[in-house]
Amino acid sequence: MRLLLDTHVLIWWDAGEPIAPAAARAIQTADQVFVSAASAWELAIKTALGKVVTSRALATVIDENGFIRTARARAPYGRAEHAPRPAS
């Protein structure tokens, strides 16, 4: 089975937060788990706005969990200085 992670599930999974048992089972049993470039974009914006605070790079989270990047899901995660600034 191939699975595309939702951004929130990715954050909760990395933080060790509880997720639905069916979701955890799907992640653990999937043949391939993908993280979208849209998640990198979403995390960069939320980090810049101060809505998400983490200390790990998205690429690290993806690599350490054996997930697969789609396109360019490499944006910093938890490093506001690298995130795009919101338009005024």
N, C-alpha and C. Protein backbone atom coordinates (compact mmCIF):
# COMPACT_ATOMS: atom_id res chain seq x y z
N MET A 1 0.85 -1.18 0.00
CA MET A 1 0.00 0.00 0.00
C MET A 1 0.89 1.24 0.00
N ARG A 2 0.50 2.24 -0.76
CA ARG A 2 1.17 3.54 -0.78
C ARG A 2 0.31 4.53 -0.01
N LEU A 3 0.97 5.42 0.77
CA LEU A 3 0.25 6.32 1.64
C LEU A 3 0.87 7.72 1.53
N LEU A 4 0.03 8.74 1.43
CA LEU A 4 0.48 10.13 1.44
C LEU A 4 0.06 10.73 2.78
N LEU A 5 1.05 11.17 3.57
CA LEU A 5 0.76 11.71 4.90
C LEU A 5 0.20 13.12 4.84
N ASP A 6 -0.80 13.36 5.62
CA ASP A 6 -1.30 14.70 5.86
C ASP A 6 -0.27 15.44 6.72
N THR A 7 -0.16 16.74 6.56
CA THR A 7 0.82 17.53 7.30
C THR A 7 0.64 17.38 8.80
N HIS A 8 -0.58 17.46 9.28
CA HIS A 8 -0.82 17.36 10.72
C HIS A 8 -0.43 15.98 11.25
N VAL A 9 -0.73 14.94 10.51
CA VAL A 9 -0.36 13.59 10.93
C VAL A 9 1.16 13.48 10.99
N LEU A 10 1.84 14.05 10.03
CA LEU A 10 3.31 14.04 10.03
C LEU A 10 3.85 14.71 11.29
N ILE A 11 3.31 15.88 11.64
CA ILE A 11 3.75 16.60 12.84
C ILE A 11 3.49 15.76 14.09
N TRP A 12 2.28 15.22 14.20
CA TRP A 12 1.93 14.41 15.38
C TRP A 12 2.79 13.15 15.46
N TRP A 13 3.00 12.50 14.32
CA TRP A 13 3.81 11.28 14.27
C TRP A 13 5.22 11.59 14.77
N ASP A 14 5.81 12.67 14.26
CA ASP A 14 7.18 13.02 14.65
C ASP A 14 7.26 13.39 16.13
N ALA A 15 6.23 14.05 16.65
CA ALA A 15 6.23 14.49 18.05
C ALA A 15 5.84 13.36 19.02
N GLY A 16 5.44 12.21 18.47
CA GLY A 16 5.02 11.11 19.33
C GLY A 16 3.64 11.33 19.93
N GLU A 17 2.89 12.25 19.33
CA GLU A 17 1.52 12.52 19.79
C GLU A 17 0.61 11.37 19.40
N PRO A 18 -0.45 11.15 20.16
CA PRO A 18 -1.38 10.07 19.80
C PRO A 18 -2.11 10.38 18.49
N ILE A 19 -2.20 9.39 17.66
CA ILE A 19 -3.01 9.49 16.44
C ILE A 19 -3.95 8.29 16.44
N ALA A 20 -4.94 8.34 15.60
CA ALA A 20 -5.92 7.24 15.53
C ALA A 20 -5.18 5.92 15.29
N PRO A 21 -5.59 4.89 16.01
CA PRO A 21 -4.93 3.59 15.83
C PRO A 21 -4.90 3.12 14.38
N ALA A 22 -5.97 3.36 13.64
CA ALA A 22 -6.01 2.95 12.23
C ALA A 22 -4.96 3.71 11.42
N ALA A 23 -4.77 5.00 11.74
CA ALA A 23 -3.76 5.80 11.03
C ALA A 23 -2.36 5.30 11.35
N ALA A 24 -2.10 5.03 12.61
CA ALA A 24 -0.78 4.51 13.01
C ALA A 24 -0.50 3.18 12.33
N ARG A 25 -1.50 2.30 12.30
CA ARG A 25 -1.35 1.00 11.65
C ARG A 25 -1.08 1.17 10.16
N ALA A 26 -1.78 2.11 9.52
CA ALA A 26 -1.59 2.34 8.09
C ALA A 26 -0.16 2.81 7.81
N ILE A 27 0.35 3.71 8.64
CA ILE A 27 1.73 4.20 8.46
C ILE A 27 2.73 3.06 8.66
N GLN A 28 2.53 2.28 9.70
CA GLN A 28 3.47 1.20 10.03
C GLN A 28 3.46 0.07 9.01
N THR A 29 2.33 -0.16 8.36
CA THR A 29 2.23 -1.30 7.44
C THR A 29 2.33 -0.91 5.96
N ALA A 30 2.38 0.37 5.67
CA ALA A 30 2.45 0.81 4.27
C ALA A 30 3.78 0.41 3.65
N ASP A 31 3.73 0.07 2.38
CA ASP A 31 4.96 -0.23 1.65
C ASP A 31 5.76 1.04 1.39
N GLN A 32 5.06 2.12 1.12
CA GLN A 32 5.68 3.41 0.85
C GLN A 32 4.85 4.50 1.51
N VAL A 33 5.53 5.40 2.24
CA VAL A 33 4.85 6.53 2.88
C VAL A 33 5.46 7.79 2.30
N PHE A 34 4.63 8.60 1.66
CA PHE A 34 5.08 9.82 1.00
C PHE A 34 4.75 11.06 1.81
N VAL A 35 5.61 12.07 1.68
CA VAL A 35 5.38 13.40 2.25
C VAL A 35 5.42 14.37 1.09
N SER A 36 4.36 15.13 0.93
CA SER A 36 4.21 16.04 -0.20
C SER A 36 5.03 17.31 -0.05
N ALA A 37 5.42 17.86 -1.16
CA ALA A 37 6.06 19.18 -1.16
C ALA A 37 5.10 20.22 -0.58
N ALA A 38 3.80 19.98 -0.72
CA ALA A 38 2.82 20.90 -0.13
C ALA A 38 2.94 20.92 1.38
N SER A 39 3.32 19.81 2.00
CA SER A 39 3.54 19.79 3.45
C SER A 39 4.72 20.67 3.82
N ALA A 40 5.78 20.64 3.03
CA ALA A 40 6.94 21.51 3.28
C ALA A 40 6.52 22.97 3.19
N TRP A 41 5.73 23.29 2.19
CA TRP A 41 5.24 24.66 2.01
C TRP A 41 4.37 25.06 3.20
N GLU A 42 3.44 24.19 3.59
CA GLU A 42 2.54 24.48 4.70
C GLU A 42 3.33 24.67 6.01
N LEU A 43 4.30 23.81 6.26
CA LEU A 43 5.10 23.93 7.48
C LEU A 43 5.94 25.19 7.49
N ALA A 44 6.48 25.57 6.34
CA ALA A 44 7.27 26.80 6.26
C ALA A 44 6.41 28.01 6.61
N ILE A 45 5.21 28.05 6.08
CA ILE A 45 4.31 29.18 6.36
C ILE A 45 3.92 29.19 7.84
N LYS A 46 3.51 28.03 8.36
CA LYS A 46 3.08 27.96 9.76
C LYS A 46 4.23 28.29 10.71
N THR A 47 5.45 27.89 10.37
CA THR A 47 6.61 28.22 11.18
C THR A 47 6.86 29.71 11.17
N ALA A 48 6.79 30.32 9.98
CA ALA A 48 7.02 31.76 9.86
C ALA A 48 5.98 32.56 10.65
N LEU A 49 4.77 32.05 10.73
CA LEU A 49 3.70 32.73 11.46
C LEU A 49 3.73 32.41 12.96
N GLY A 50 4.62 31.51 13.37
CA GLY A 50 4.72 31.14 14.77
C GLY A 50 3.66 30.15 15.22
N LYS A 51 2.99 29.50 14.28
CA LYS A 51 1.94 28.55 14.63
C LYS A 51 2.48 27.14 14.86
N VAL A 52 3.67 26.86 14.35
CA VAL A 52 4.32 25.56 14.54
C VAL A 52 5.74 25.83 15.00
N VAL A 53 6.13 25.15 16.07
CA VAL A 53 7.50 25.28 16.57
C VAL A 53 8.06 23.87 16.75
N THR A 54 9.13 23.57 16.04
CA THR A 54 9.82 22.30 16.20
C THR A 54 11.31 22.57 16.11
N SER A 55 12.08 21.57 16.40
CA SER A 55 13.53 21.75 16.37
C SER A 55 14.19 20.89 15.29
N ARG A 56 13.40 20.23 14.47
CA ARG A 56 13.97 19.31 13.47
C ARG A 56 13.64 19.76 12.05
N ALA A 57 14.55 19.50 11.17
CA ALA A 57 14.32 19.78 9.76
C ALA A 57 13.37 18.73 9.18
N LEU A 58 12.50 19.14 8.29
CA LEU A 58 11.56 18.23 7.66
C LEU A 58 12.29 17.07 6.99
N ALA A 59 13.39 17.36 6.32
CA ALA A 59 14.17 16.30 5.65
C ALA A 59 14.63 15.25 6.65
N THR A 60 15.00 15.68 7.85
CA THR A 60 15.42 14.74 8.90
C THR A 60 14.26 13.85 9.31
N VAL A 61 13.10 14.45 9.51
CA VAL A 61 11.90 13.69 9.90
C VAL A 61 11.58 12.65 8.83
N ILE A 62 11.62 13.07 7.58
CA ILE A 62 11.32 12.17 6.47
C ILE A 62 12.33 11.03 6.42
N ASP A 63 13.61 11.38 6.45
CA ASP A 63 14.67 10.37 6.33
C ASP A 63 14.68 9.39 7.50
N GLU A 64 14.55 9.90 8.73
CA GLU A 64 14.62 9.03 9.90
C GLU A 64 13.44 8.06 9.99
N ASN A 65 12.33 8.41 9.38
CA ASN A 65 11.16 7.54 9.41
C ASN A 65 11.03 6.66 8.17
N GLY A 66 11.96 6.82 7.23
CA GLY A 66 11.91 6.02 6.01
C GLY A 66 10.81 6.45 5.06
N PHE A 67 10.33 7.68 5.21
CA PHE A 67 9.31 8.20 4.31
C PHE A 67 9.96 8.64 3.01
N ILE A 68 9.15 8.94 2.02
CA ILE A 68 9.64 9.32 0.70
C ILE A 68 9.18 10.73 0.38
N ARG A 69 10.09 11.56 -0.09
CA ARG A 69 9.75 12.94 -0.48
C ARG A 69 9.12 12.94 -1.86
N THR A 70 8.07 13.72 -2.03
CA THR A 70 7.56 13.96 -3.37
C THR A 70 8.16 15.28 -3.82
N ALA A 71 8.49 15.40 -5.05
CA ALA A 71 9.05 16.64 -5.62
C ALA A 71 10.12 17.23 -4.70
N ARG A 72 9.83 18.38 -4.11
CA ARG A 72 10.85 19.07 -3.32
C ARG A 72 10.44 19.26 -1.87
N ALA A 73 10.05 18.21 -1.21
CA ALA A 73 9.66 18.30 0.20
C ALA A 73 10.91 18.35 1.06
N ARG A 74 11.64 19.45 0.96
CA ARG A 74 12.91 19.57 1.67
C ARG A 74 12.99 20.85 2.49
N ALA A 75 11.94 21.61 2.55
CA ALA A 75 11.99 22.90 3.23
C ALA A 75 12.29 22.73 4.71
N PRO A 76 12.93 23.72 5.30
CA PRO A 76 13.19 23.65 6.74
C PRO A 76 11.89 23.56 7.51
N TYR A 77 11.96 22.96 8.66
CA TYR A 77 10.80 22.73 9.52
C TYR A 77 11.32 23.05 10.91
N GLY A 78 10.80 24.11 11.48
CA GLY A 78 11.26 24.51 12.78
C GLY A 78 12.38 25.52 12.74
N ARG A 79 12.62 26.12 11.59
CA ARG A 79 13.65 27.14 11.45
C ARG A 79 13.04 28.35 10.76
N ALA A 80 12.44 29.21 11.54
CA ALA A 80 11.70 30.33 10.98
C ALA A 80 12.58 31.24 10.14
N GLU A 81 13.87 31.31 10.44
CA GLU A 81 14.71 32.21 9.67
C GLU A 81 14.84 31.79 8.21
N HIS A 82 14.52 30.53 7.90
CA HIS A 82 14.61 30.05 6.53
C HIS A 82 13.25 30.01 5.84
N ALA A 83 12.20 30.21 6.58
CA ALA A 83 10.85 30.13 6.02
C ALA A 83 10.50 31.41 5.30
N PRO A 84 9.70 31.31 4.23
CA PRO A 84 9.29 32.54 3.53
C PRO A 84 8.46 33.44 4.45
N ARG A 85 8.65 34.72 4.31
CA ARG A 85 7.88 35.66 5.11
C ARG A 85 6.51 35.85 4.47
N PRO A 86 5.46 35.94 5.29
CA PRO A 86 4.13 36.17 4.72
C PRO A 86 4.05 37.55 4.08
N ALA A 87 3.25 37.64 3.01
CA ALA A 87 3.08 38.92 2.31
C ALA A 87 2.38 39.91 3.24
N SER A 88 2.77 41.16 3.15
CA SER A 88 2.16 42.21 4.00
C SER A 88 0.85 42.67 3.42
